[in-house]
Every structure is written in structure tokens, then in C-alpha cells.
């Protein structure tokens, strides 16, 4: 009976370990950026590991090596750090449409940086909104701050249609 309990415990731990490894293997470690283009408006949603980003931005060595754009000081208030990060994002994020640099606004940014910095793998979003003078876009490009590291980037062009009740929506790809 005692052997059965040990075998059962071992089996449960093995399943938990495998499940944890599988879940971790499917989580992207890189920053992700989703560019959504709709009628000349461009929305950029960036999902970053803020815990890692904030740790990197507190490193004098990373700044000296050119891996970061600024150094955050430990004694600064959360409001000052948040403002500096927002300015960093706006200054070092470049969005172009048809080769023209666009003026973007930061529409969404995390409020609780302290919680994100202390968390382990604490991911959060920030969102930029840009308007192109051109309604028809042939190309879109994005440059993110170097301190965010590699970024997995995707482009979305939503297609929408209004359908009647009980009717079918069909999209040509």
C-alpha cells in the first residue's frame, strides 16, 4: 500500500511537471506587437514582459553597452518612472505608412509599474494610435525601442460586414 502511495505521488508530480513545461513552452518570451490597419488608422498593441524591461532599464551596464535608451533610478517615484517610460515609447517607436513617418499617441499604458517590476514574467500592454493622411496603405513599418528586445510582429487588416439576422457572413481571402 505504501508503494502504491509513492507511485501515485510520483505520477501526479510527473503530470504536473509535464503540464507546466508544455504551458511554458507555448508562452512567447519575446515582446509581441500587433499592427491593426483600418481606413488609414493604425493601432499598435505591444505586449511586453514589463518585469524584464524594467529590470533592464535599471541597469547602468545595459545603458553603457547601448542596450537601453535610458536608466531608471531606484529612488524615483512610480509617476516619474511611468512618465519616463511613456516618453521613451513615444520617442523611440517609429510607425511609417507608405514611407511617411506618422505622429502617434500613446492611448494605453500600465498604471502599476511597481507590481509589474516585482512580478515574475509580468506581461502588460501598451497601445499606440496613429492616423495616416492616406486612406489606401501600401506598406506599414514599425520600429520599437531597442530595450524591448526582439519583437514578434503581426499585421491585421480586419474585414467587416453587416449581416441580417440569421444570414451568413462570407469573406474572400
Foldseek 3Di string as FASTA:
>chain_A
DVVVVVVVVVVVVVVVVVVVVVVVVPDDQAKAWEWEAEQQKIKIKIKAQLLQLLVLLQDPVCVVVVQADHHDHPPDDPVVVQVVVLVLFQVFKWKDFPRHTWRKDWDDDDDDSVVSNPDDSRMDITMIMTGGPDRDTDDMDITGGSSSPDYHYYYHYDDDDDDDVPDDDDDDD
